[in-house]
Amino acid sequence: MKFFYLLILSIFSSCILQAQQLNGAWQRVDKKSKKLKTIKLFSDNYFTSSTRLKSSGEFVSASGGTYSLSKSDYIENYEIHSNSRAVTGTYINYSYYIENDTLKLEDRNSRNTETWVKVDSAEKENVTCWKIHEVFRDSRWTTIEDKPRKTLKILTDNHYQILALNSQTGEFFGSSGGKWTYENDKHKEIIQFFSKNPNMVGDTLSFSKEIKDGIWSHNGKSSEGEYIQERWKKFK
């Protein structure tokens, strides 16, 4: 029995270590569509993807979901895709190959291939996928319950993406992202795409930030110019 548990632990640990090979930001190499820029962000268990026009930052599409990585398979389980609600709940099984900072994928069904190049790591403390937990409204904190409707934020060392979705209905509410920095006790987000308001591309949002006991507290002005206080908790 002890051997059995050790075997299960070994397999689980191996899967986690393999998944961590993807942690960070990857950019798709697409020779056919040189006008587009697609960035995919990975935490240990979750991914988000965004596509925008290189020239203007105009939003094209976004997606996200959980993923798993074994020795032979990379599987994406979609919670959302901005182009189609029907994608929610589906998955794609790829064969894959990682060499240095290059990831090659082949869809096991369609045989379509993709090449991705790593453009950012995920080594900073508390870089991961977060879910909105509480907001301060009407002079009190309101808990955002765990429901299919959620807002997520995933960060690598320098990139971020926010994704608002309903993982049950496939409804897409919006996505934004770009680069982030932390300096002089301020968390700053430089917007490089925004599905709801393309006029904000190039703007910077600044927040005070504190992470304690797995809760990320921040306050500052929202994209709509309103003062907000929010708490996020680790998600995946």
Protein backbone atom coordinates (compact mmCIF):
# COMPACT_ATOMS: atom_id res chain seq x y z
CA MET A 1 0.00 0.00 0.00
CA LYS A 2 2.84 2.37 0.86
CA PHE A 3 4.42 1.67 -2.52
CA PHE A 4 1.10 2.46 -4.22
CA TYR A 5 0.85 5.86 -2.55
CA LEU A 6 4.47 6.65 -3.38
CA LEU A 7 3.82 5.74 -7.01
CA ILE A 8 0.77 8.03 -7.18
CA LEU A 9 2.75 10.85 -5.55
CA SER A 10 5.58 10.34 -8.01
CA ILE A 11 3.23 10.49 -11.00
CA PHE A 12 1.48 13.60 -9.64
CA SER A 13 4.79 15.36 -8.96
CA SER A 14 6.02 14.46 -12.43
CA CYS A 15 2.92 15.99 -14.04
CA ILE A 16 3.34 19.20 -12.03
CA LEU A 17 6.99 19.51 -13.02
CA GLN A 18 6.17 18.94 -16.66
CA ALA A 19 3.39 21.54 -16.56
CA GLN A 20 5.78 24.06 -15.05
CA GLN A 21 7.82 23.86 -18.25
CA LEU A 22 5.12 26.01 -19.82
CA ASN A 23 4.84 28.63 -17.07
CA GLY A 24 5.32 32.07 -18.57
CA ALA A 25 4.35 33.86 -21.77
CA TRP A 26 4.59 32.42 -25.28
CA GLN A 27 4.13 34.16 -28.62
CA ARG A 28 2.84 32.30 -31.64
CA VAL A 29 5.02 32.25 -34.74
CA ASP A 30 2.50 32.74 -37.55
CA LYS A 31 4.06 33.27 -40.98
CA LYS A 32 0.64 33.47 -42.66
CA SER A 33 -0.71 36.29 -40.49
CA LYS A 34 2.14 38.70 -39.86
CA LYS A 35 -0.33 41.42 -38.90
CA LEU A 36 -1.49 39.52 -35.81
CA LYS A 37 0.15 39.02 -32.43
CA THR A 38 -0.97 36.08 -30.28
CA ILE A 39 0.29 35.70 -26.72
CA LYS A 40 -0.53 32.76 -24.45
CA LEU A 41 0.07 32.91 -20.68
CA PHE A 42 0.47 29.83 -18.47
CA SER A 43 0.26 29.28 -14.73
CA ASP A 44 0.62 25.77 -13.26
CA ASN A 45 -2.91 24.76 -14.29
CA TYR A 46 -4.49 27.57 -16.32
CA PHE A 47 -3.88 29.34 -19.61
CA THR A 48 -5.18 32.48 -21.29
CA SER A 49 -4.64 33.54 -24.86
CA SER A 50 -5.10 36.84 -26.67
CA THR A 51 -4.80 37.90 -30.30
CA ARG A 52 -4.54 41.52 -31.39
CA LEU A 53 -3.37 43.58 -34.36
CA LYS A 54 0.33 44.34 -34.09
CA SER A 55 -0.05 47.83 -35.53
CA SER A 56 -2.80 49.19 -33.29
CA GLY A 57 -3.45 46.73 -30.48
CA GLU A 58 -7.01 46.26 -31.75
CA PHE A 59 -8.58 43.27 -30.03
CA VAL A 60 -9.21 40.19 -32.19
CA SER A 61 -9.94 37.30 -29.82
CA ALA A 62 -9.32 35.80 -26.38
CA SER A 63 -9.65 32.39 -24.78
CA GLY A 64 -8.82 30.53 -21.60
CA GLY A 65 -9.17 27.32 -19.65
CA THR A 66 -7.32 24.61 -17.82
CA TYR A 67 -4.64 22.43 -19.34
CA SER A 68 -2.68 19.28 -18.63
CA LEU A 69 0.72 18.14 -19.79
CA SER A 70 2.03 14.56 -19.78
CA LYS A 71 5.04 13.02 -21.46
CA SER A 72 3.12 12.56 -24.70
CA ASP A 73 0.08 14.87 -24.62
CA TYR A 74 -0.75 18.51 -24.12
CA ILE A 75 -4.52 19.01 -23.63
CA GLU A 76 -6.38 22.32 -23.49
CA ASN A 77 -9.81 22.29 -21.82
CA TYR A 78 -11.65 25.44 -22.87
CA GLU A 79 -13.73 27.49 -20.44
CA ILE A 80 -14.16 30.35 -22.89
CA HIS A 81 -13.46 31.58 -26.40
CA SER A 82 -14.61 35.03 -27.45
CA ASN A 83 -15.45 33.83 -30.97
CA SER A 84 -17.87 31.06 -30.03
CA ARG A 85 -19.83 29.92 -26.98
CA ALA A 86 -19.84 26.41 -28.40
CA VAL A 87 -16.13 26.06 -27.61
CA THR A 88 -16.82 26.11 -23.84
CA GLY A 89 -16.46 22.61 -22.41
CA THR A 90 -14.51 21.24 -25.37
CA TYR A 91 -10.87 20.23 -25.48
CA ILE A 92 -8.02 19.87 -27.95
CA ASN A 93 -5.42 17.12 -27.64
CA TYR A 94 -1.97 17.93 -29.02
CA SER A 95 1.25 16.10 -29.35
CA TYR A 96 4.04 18.46 -28.38
CA TYR A 97 7.75 19.06 -28.39
CA ILE A 98 9.68 21.58 -26.26
CA GLU A 99 13.26 22.53 -27.05
CA ASN A 100 14.85 25.45 -25.23
CA ASP A 101 12.35 28.32 -25.69
CA THR A 102 10.40 26.81 -28.59
CA LEU A 103 7.13 24.88 -28.28
CA LYS A 104 5.78 22.89 -31.22
CA LEU A 105 2.21 21.58 -31.17
CA GLU A 106 0.29 19.26 -33.47
CA ASP A 107 -3.46 18.78 -33.14
CA ARG A 108 -3.95 15.01 -32.98
CA ASN A 109 -7.24 15.27 -34.91
CA SER A 110 -6.70 17.93 -37.58
CA ARG A 111 -2.91 17.57 -37.75
CA ASN A 112 -2.62 21.36 -37.79
CA THR A 113 0.69 22.52 -36.35
CA GLU A 114 1.65 25.54 -34.27
CA THR A 115 4.99 27.00 -33.21
CA TRP A 116 5.36 29.16 -30.09
CA VAL A 117 8.39 31.00 -28.72
CA LYS A 118 8.76 31.79 -25.03
CA VAL A 119 8.93 35.54 -24.45
CA ASP A 120 8.65 35.70 -20.65
CA SER A 121 9.24 33.45 -17.65
CA ALA A 122 7.21 33.05 -14.46
CA GLU A 123 9.73 33.11 -11.66
CA LYS A 124 8.66 36.10 -9.56
CA GLU A 125 6.97 35.44 -6.25
CA ASN A 126 3.17 35.34 -6.42
CA VAL A 127 3.07 35.22 -10.21
CA THR A 128 0.07 33.01 -10.98
CA CYS A 129 -3.62 33.00 -11.91
CA TRP A 130 -5.95 35.03 -9.66
CA LYS A 131 -9.75 35.27 -9.31
CA ILE A 132 -11.69 38.28 -8.07
CA HIS A 133 -12.71 37.53 -4.47
CA GLU A 134 -14.10 40.66 -2.80
CA VAL A 135 -14.98 44.22 -3.77
CA PHE A 136 -15.61 47.23 -1.53
CA ARG A 137 -19.02 48.71 -2.31
CA ASP A 138 -21.49 50.77 -0.31
CA SER A 139 -19.08 51.05 2.64
CA ARG A 140 -18.60 47.30 3.02
CA TRP A 141 -16.77 44.35 1.50
CA THR A 142 -18.87 42.12 -0.73
CA THR A 143 -17.72 38.56 -1.43
CA ILE A 144 -17.81 37.38 -5.02
CA GLU A 145 -18.99 33.80 -4.64
CA ASP A 146 -17.47 30.90 -6.55
CA LYS A 147 -19.72 30.66 -9.55
CA PRO A 148 -19.30 30.00 -13.28
CA ARG A 149 -19.36 33.79 -13.79
CA LYS A 150 -15.87 34.99 -12.85
CA THR A 151 -13.09 37.43 -13.59
CA LEU A 152 -9.54 36.10 -13.75
CA LYS A 153 -6.14 37.74 -13.98
CA ILE A 154 -3.05 35.76 -14.92
CA LEU A 155 0.45 37.16 -14.57
CA THR A 156 3.87 36.07 -15.73
CA ASP A 157 7.00 38.01 -14.80
CA ASN A 158 6.11 40.90 -17.12
CA HIS A 159 2.85 40.07 -18.93
CA TYR A 160 -0.74 39.99 -17.72
CA GLN A 161 -4.21 39.22 -19.06
CA ILE A 162 -7.64 39.78 -17.53
CA LEU A 163 -10.49 37.55 -18.65
CA ALA A 164 -14.18 37.87 -17.67
CA LEU A 165 -16.35 34.88 -18.52
CA ASN A 166 -19.09 32.44 -17.67
CA SER A 167 -17.66 28.93 -17.88
CA GLN A 168 -21.14 27.39 -17.85
CA THR A 169 -22.85 29.36 -20.61
CA GLY A 170 -19.75 30.28 -22.63
CA GLU A 171 -20.57 33.98 -22.37
CA PHE A 172 -17.56 36.25 -22.91
CA PHE A 173 -17.64 39.56 -21.05
CA GLY A 174 -14.29 41.03 -22.00
CA SER A 175 -10.51 40.81 -21.89
CA SER A 176 -7.57 43.16 -21.59
CA GLY A 177 -3.86 42.76 -21.08
CA GLY A 178 -0.33 43.83 -21.79
CA LYS A 179 2.72 44.41 -19.60
CA TRP A 180 2.94 45.09 -15.88
CA THR A 181 5.59 46.47 -13.52
CA TYR A 182 5.99 46.94 -9.79
CA GLU A 183 7.99 49.93 -8.65
CA ASN A 184 7.80 52.49 -5.86
CA ASP A 185 5.16 50.32 -4.15
CA LYS A 186 2.88 50.63 -7.19
CA HIS A 187 1.53 47.87 -9.40
CA LYS A 188 1.22 49.34 -12.90
CA GLU A 189 -0.56 47.77 -15.87
CA ILE A 190 0.31 49.04 -19.35
CA ILE A 191 -2.68 48.24 -21.55
CA GLN A 192 -1.77 46.75 -24.93
CA PHE A 193 -5.26 45.52 -25.86
CA PHE A 194 -8.75 45.99 -24.43
CA SER A 195 -11.84 44.40 -25.96
CA LYS A 196 -14.25 46.89 -24.36
CA ASN A 197 -12.35 50.11 -24.94
CA PRO A 198 -9.65 50.14 -27.65
CA ASN A 199 -9.04 53.83 -26.96
CA MET A 200 -7.25 52.84 -23.74
CA VAL A 201 -4.46 51.00 -25.57
CA GLY A 202 -1.23 52.61 -24.40
CA ASP A 203 -2.70 53.86 -21.11
CA THR A 204 -1.34 52.81 -17.71
CA LEU A 205 -3.39 51.91 -14.64
CA SER A 206 -1.69 52.24 -11.25
CA PHE A 207 -2.66 50.45 -8.03
CA SER A 208 -1.36 50.08 -4.51
CA LYS A 209 -0.72 46.39 -3.88
CA GLU A 210 -0.39 44.00 -0.96
CA ILE A 211 -0.27 40.20 -1.05
CA LYS A 212 -0.80 38.41 2.25
CA ASP A 213 -1.96 34.86 3.04
CA GLY A 214 -2.81 34.17 -0.60
CA ILE A 215 -4.96 37.31 -0.96
CA TRP A 216 -3.98 40.12 -3.32
CA SER A 217 -5.43 43.46 -2.18
CA HIS A 218 -5.24 46.47 -4.43
CA ASN A 219 -6.89 49.84 -4.89
CA GLY A 220 -6.72 52.58 -7.46
CA LYS A 221 -8.66 53.84 -10.46
CA SER A 222 -10.41 51.40 -12.76
CA SER A 223 -10.40 51.57 -16.56
CA GLU A 224 -13.58 53.64 -16.21
CA GLY A 225 -11.86 56.17 -13.94
CA GLU A 226 -13.65 55.08 -10.77
CA TYR A 227 -11.83 54.46 -7.48
CA ILE A 228 -11.95 50.74 -6.67
CA GLN A 229 -10.84 48.44 -3.86
CA GLU A 230 -10.57 44.75 -4.68
CA ARG A 231 -9.26 41.52 -3.24
CA TRP A 232 -8.16 38.65 -5.44
CA LYS A 233 -7.35 35.09 -4.40
CA LYS A 234 -5.16 32.48 -6.04
CA PHE A 235 -7.16 30.42 -8.51
CA LYS A 236 -4.99 28.01 -10.53
